[in-house]
């Protein structure tokens, strides 16, 4: 009986601890604009490598590398509306 209660408590604590971790994994949404008011891209993941920004544009599927760009966090709704077009 003690093993059953311990197992149940372990599952409950695991679930309670997992909720904030899963919520934190929701990620961010970014709008990336090339320097000088160039093209705008939308992505959820940006790699900073040797002064370059590397990411995949979700609207087109193109892999993009930029030397200079403005990166702005946007809402999930803004992101979804932009990549839907």
N, C-alpha and C. Protein backbone atom coordinates (compact mmCIF):
# COMPACT_ATOMS: atom_id res chain seq x y z
N UNK A 1 0.82 -1.19 0.00
CA UNK A 1 0.00 0.00 0.00
C UNK A 1 0.87 1.26 0.00
N UNK A 2 1.98 1.23 0.77
CA UNK A 2 2.86 2.37 0.84
C UNK A 2 3.48 2.67 -0.53
N UNK A 3 3.84 1.66 -1.29
CA UNK A 3 4.41 1.83 -2.61
C UNK A 3 3.42 2.50 -3.55
N UNK A 4 2.16 2.12 -3.47
CA UNK A 4 1.12 2.71 -4.32
C UNK A 4 0.96 4.20 -4.02
N UNK A 5 0.95 4.58 -2.74
CA UNK A 5 0.81 5.98 -2.36
C UNK A 5 2.04 6.78 -2.79
N UNK A 6 3.20 6.21 -2.62
CA UNK A 6 4.43 6.89 -3.02
C UNK A 6 4.44 7.09 -4.53
N UNK A 7 4.03 6.10 -5.28
CA UNK A 7 3.98 6.19 -6.73
C UNK A 7 3.00 7.27 -7.18
N UNK A 8 1.85 7.32 -6.52
CA UNK A 8 0.84 8.32 -6.87
C UNK A 8 1.35 9.73 -6.56
N UNK A 9 1.98 9.90 -5.41
CA UNK A 9 2.54 11.20 -5.04
C UNK A 9 3.63 11.62 -6.02
N UNK A 10 4.45 10.69 -6.42
CA UNK A 10 5.51 10.98 -7.37
C UNK A 10 4.93 11.47 -8.70
N UNK A 11 3.87 10.82 -9.17
CA UNK A 11 3.23 11.26 -10.42
C UNK A 11 2.63 12.65 -10.28
N UNK A 12 2.02 12.93 -9.15
CA UNK A 12 1.42 14.25 -8.92
C UNK A 12 2.51 15.33 -8.90
N UNK A 13 3.58 15.09 -8.15
CA UNK A 13 4.66 16.08 -8.10
C UNK A 13 5.33 16.26 -9.45
N UNK A 14 5.49 15.19 -10.18
CA UNK A 14 6.08 15.29 -11.52
C UNK A 14 5.21 16.14 -12.42
N UNK A 15 3.91 15.93 -12.37
CA UNK A 15 2.98 16.72 -13.19
C UNK A 15 3.02 18.19 -12.78
N UNK A 16 3.03 18.46 -11.49
CA UNK A 16 3.05 19.84 -11.02
C UNK A 16 4.34 20.56 -11.41
N UNK A 17 5.45 19.86 -11.40
CA UNK A 17 6.71 20.46 -11.79
C UNK A 17 6.84 20.61 -13.30
N UNK A 18 6.19 19.75 -14.05
CA UNK A 18 6.30 19.78 -15.51
C UNK A 18 5.50 20.92 -16.13
N UNK A 19 4.41 21.33 -15.49
CA UNK A 19 3.56 22.38 -16.06
C UNK A 19 4.33 23.68 -16.33
N UNK A 20 5.06 24.23 -15.35
CA UNK A 20 5.81 25.47 -15.65
C UNK A 20 6.90 25.26 -16.69
N UNK A 21 7.52 24.09 -16.68
CA UNK A 21 8.56 23.83 -17.68
C UNK A 21 7.98 23.78 -19.08
N UNK A 22 6.85 23.15 -19.25
CA UNK A 22 6.21 23.10 -20.56
C UNK A 22 5.74 24.47 -21.00
N UNK A 23 5.24 25.26 -20.09
CA UNK A 23 4.80 26.61 -20.43
C UNK A 23 5.98 27.45 -20.88
N UNK A 24 7.12 27.27 -20.27
CA UNK A 24 8.31 28.04 -20.65
C UNK A 24 8.85 27.62 -22.00
N UNK A 25 8.50 26.43 -22.46
CA UNK A 25 8.99 25.94 -23.74
C UNK A 25 8.15 26.44 -24.91
N UNK A 26 7.19 27.28 -24.63
CA UNK A 26 6.33 27.80 -25.69
C UNK A 26 7.10 28.55 -26.74
N UNK A 27 8.21 29.13 -26.39
CA UNK A 27 9.05 29.81 -27.34
C UNK A 27 8.61 31.23 -27.61
N UNK A 28 9.35 31.86 -28.48
CA UNK A 28 9.09 33.25 -28.83
C UNK A 28 8.83 33.34 -30.33
N UNK A 29 8.29 34.46 -30.72
CA UNK A 29 8.01 34.74 -32.12
C UNK A 29 8.75 36.02 -32.48
N UNK A 30 9.43 36.00 -33.64
CA UNK A 30 10.26 37.13 -34.02
C UNK A 30 9.91 37.65 -35.41
N UNK A 31 10.01 38.97 -35.53
CA UNK A 31 9.96 39.64 -36.82
C UNK A 31 11.37 40.17 -37.04
N UNK A 32 11.98 39.77 -38.14
CA UNK A 32 13.35 40.18 -38.45
C UNK A 32 13.29 41.05 -39.70
N UNK A 33 13.82 42.27 -39.59
CA UNK A 33 13.85 43.17 -40.74
C UNK A 33 15.30 43.44 -41.11
N UNK A 34 15.63 43.18 -42.38
CA UNK A 34 16.99 43.40 -42.86
C UNK A 34 17.34 44.88 -42.71
N UNK A 35 18.62 45.17 -42.50
CA UNK A 35 19.09 46.54 -42.31
C UNK A 35 18.66 47.44 -43.47
N UNK A 36 18.40 48.70 -43.12
CA UNK A 36 18.02 49.67 -44.15
C UNK A 36 16.57 49.53 -44.60
N UNK A 37 15.72 48.95 -43.75
CA UNK A 37 14.31 48.81 -44.11
C UNK A 37 14.07 47.77 -45.19
N UNK A 38 14.93 46.77 -45.24
CA UNK A 38 14.81 45.72 -46.24
C UNK A 38 13.65 44.78 -45.98
N UNK A 39 13.76 43.60 -46.51
CA UNK A 39 12.71 42.59 -46.40
C UNK A 39 12.46 42.19 -44.95
N UNK A 40 11.23 41.82 -44.66
CA UNK A 40 10.84 41.37 -43.32
C UNK A 40 10.62 39.87 -43.33
N UNK A 41 11.12 39.20 -42.30
CA UNK A 41 11.02 37.76 -42.15
C UNK A 41 10.35 37.45 -40.81
N UNK A 42 9.84 36.22 -40.70
CA UNK A 42 9.21 35.77 -39.46
C UNK A 42 9.76 34.41 -39.09
N UNK A 43 10.14 34.26 -37.83
CA UNK A 43 10.74 33.00 -37.38
C UNK A 43 10.50 32.80 -35.90
N UNK A 44 10.76 31.59 -35.43
CA UNK A 44 10.65 31.29 -34.00
C UNK A 44 12.00 30.99 -33.39
N UNK A 45 13.02 30.85 -34.21
CA UNK A 45 14.34 30.47 -33.71
C UNK A 45 15.42 31.19 -34.49
N UNK A 46 16.30 31.88 -33.79
CA UNK A 46 17.39 32.61 -34.42
C UNK A 46 18.70 32.15 -33.81
N UNK A 47 19.66 31.83 -34.68
CA UNK A 47 21.01 31.49 -34.22
C UNK A 47 21.91 32.69 -34.49
N UNK A 48 22.69 33.07 -33.49
CA UNK A 48 23.67 34.14 -33.65
C UNK A 48 25.02 33.46 -33.82
N UNK A 49 25.62 33.61 -35.00
CA UNK A 49 26.85 32.90 -35.29
C UNK A 49 27.84 33.84 -35.98
N UNK A 50 28.96 34.12 -35.34
CA UNK A 50 30.01 34.97 -35.90
C UNK A 50 29.48 36.29 -36.43
N UNK A 51 28.58 36.92 -35.68
CA UNK A 51 28.04 38.21 -36.10
C UNK A 51 26.93 38.13 -37.12
N UNK A 52 26.53 36.93 -37.46
CA UNK A 52 25.45 36.73 -38.43
C UNK A 52 24.20 36.22 -37.71
N UNK A 53 23.06 36.52 -38.28
CA UNK A 53 21.80 35.94 -37.82
C UNK A 53 21.43 34.85 -38.81
N UNK A 54 21.15 33.67 -38.31
CA UNK A 54 20.74 32.54 -39.16
C UNK A 54 19.39 32.05 -38.67
N UNK A 55 18.47 31.89 -39.62
CA UNK A 55 17.14 31.41 -39.26
C UNK A 55 16.43 30.95 -40.52
N UNK A 56 15.30 30.30 -40.33
CA UNK A 56 14.44 29.90 -41.45
C UNK A 56 13.21 30.79 -41.42
N UNK A 57 12.94 31.44 -42.56
CA UNK A 57 11.75 32.28 -42.67
C UNK A 57 10.54 31.37 -42.76
N UNK A 58 9.65 31.48 -41.79
CA UNK A 58 8.49 30.58 -41.72
C UNK A 58 7.49 30.85 -42.84
N UNK A 59 7.44 32.07 -43.35
CA UNK A 59 6.48 32.40 -44.41
C UNK A 59 6.85 31.74 -45.73
N UNK A 60 8.16 31.62 -46.02
CA UNK A 60 8.60 31.08 -47.31
C UNK A 60 9.33 29.75 -47.19
N UNK A 61 9.85 29.45 -46.00
CA UNK A 61 10.65 28.24 -45.81
C UNK A 61 12.10 28.44 -46.19
N UNK A 62 12.49 29.65 -46.62
CA UNK A 62 13.87 29.94 -47.01
C UNK A 62 14.78 30.02 -45.80
N UNK A 63 16.00 29.50 -45.94
CA UNK A 63 17.02 29.68 -44.91
C UNK A 63 17.68 31.02 -45.18
N UNK A 64 17.80 31.84 -44.14
CA UNK A 64 18.27 33.21 -44.29
C UNK A 64 19.48 33.45 -43.40
N UNK A 65 20.46 34.19 -43.94
CA UNK A 65 21.63 34.63 -43.18
C UNK A 65 21.76 36.13 -43.40
N UNK A 66 21.74 36.90 -42.31
CA UNK A 66 21.84 38.34 -42.39
C UNK A 66 22.99 38.84 -41.53
N UNK A 67 23.70 39.85 -42.02
CA UNK A 67 24.78 40.46 -41.25
C UNK A 67 24.25 41.51 -40.28
N UNK A 68 23.22 42.22 -40.71
CA UNK A 68 22.71 43.31 -39.90
C UNK A 68 21.20 43.35 -40.05
N UNK A 69 20.50 43.25 -38.93
CA UNK A 69 19.04 43.23 -38.99
C UNK A 69 18.47 43.68 -37.65
N UNK A 70 17.23 44.11 -37.70
CA UNK A 70 16.49 44.46 -36.49
C UNK A 70 15.62 43.27 -36.12
N UNK A 71 15.73 42.82 -34.90
CA UNK A 71 14.95 41.68 -34.42
C UNK A 71 13.97 42.19 -33.37
N UNK A 72 12.71 41.84 -33.56
CA UNK A 72 11.67 42.31 -32.63
C UNK A 72 10.79 41.14 -32.25
N UNK A 73 10.54 40.98 -30.94
CA UNK A 73 9.61 39.95 -30.48
C UNK A 73 8.19 40.41 -30.81
N UNK A 74 7.38 39.48 -31.29
CA UNK A 74 5.99 39.77 -31.61
C UNK A 74 5.10 38.74 -30.93
N UNK A 75 3.80 38.99 -30.98
CA UNK A 75 2.86 38.06 -30.36
C UNK A 75 2.63 36.85 -31.28
N UNK A 76 2.10 35.81 -30.70
CA UNK A 76 1.78 34.61 -31.48
C UNK A 76 0.76 34.96 -32.57
N UNK A 77 -0.20 35.80 -32.24
CA UNK A 77 -1.22 36.19 -33.22
C UNK A 77 -0.61 36.96 -34.39
N UNK A 78 0.28 37.90 -34.11
CA UNK A 78 0.96 38.64 -35.18
C UNK A 78 1.75 37.68 -36.06
N UNK A 79 2.45 36.75 -35.43
CA UNK A 79 3.24 35.77 -36.16
C UNK A 79 2.38 34.92 -37.08
N UNK A 80 1.29 34.39 -36.53
CA UNK A 80 0.40 33.53 -37.34
C UNK A 80 -0.22 34.29 -38.50
N UNK A 81 -0.61 35.54 -38.27
CA UNK A 81 -1.18 36.34 -39.35
C UNK A 81 -0.15 36.61 -40.44
N UNK A 82 1.09 36.82 -40.06
CA UNK A 82 2.14 37.12 -41.04
C UNK A 82 2.52 35.90 -41.89
N UNK A 83 2.61 34.73 -41.28
CA UNK A 83 3.05 33.56 -42.05
C UNK A 83 1.89 32.93 -42.84
N UNK A 84 0.69 33.34 -42.57
CA UNK A 84 -0.48 32.82 -43.26
C UNK A 84 -0.63 33.42 -44.66
N UNK A 85 -0.10 34.62 -44.85
CA UNK A 85 -0.29 35.35 -46.10
C UNK A 85 0.28 34.65 -47.30
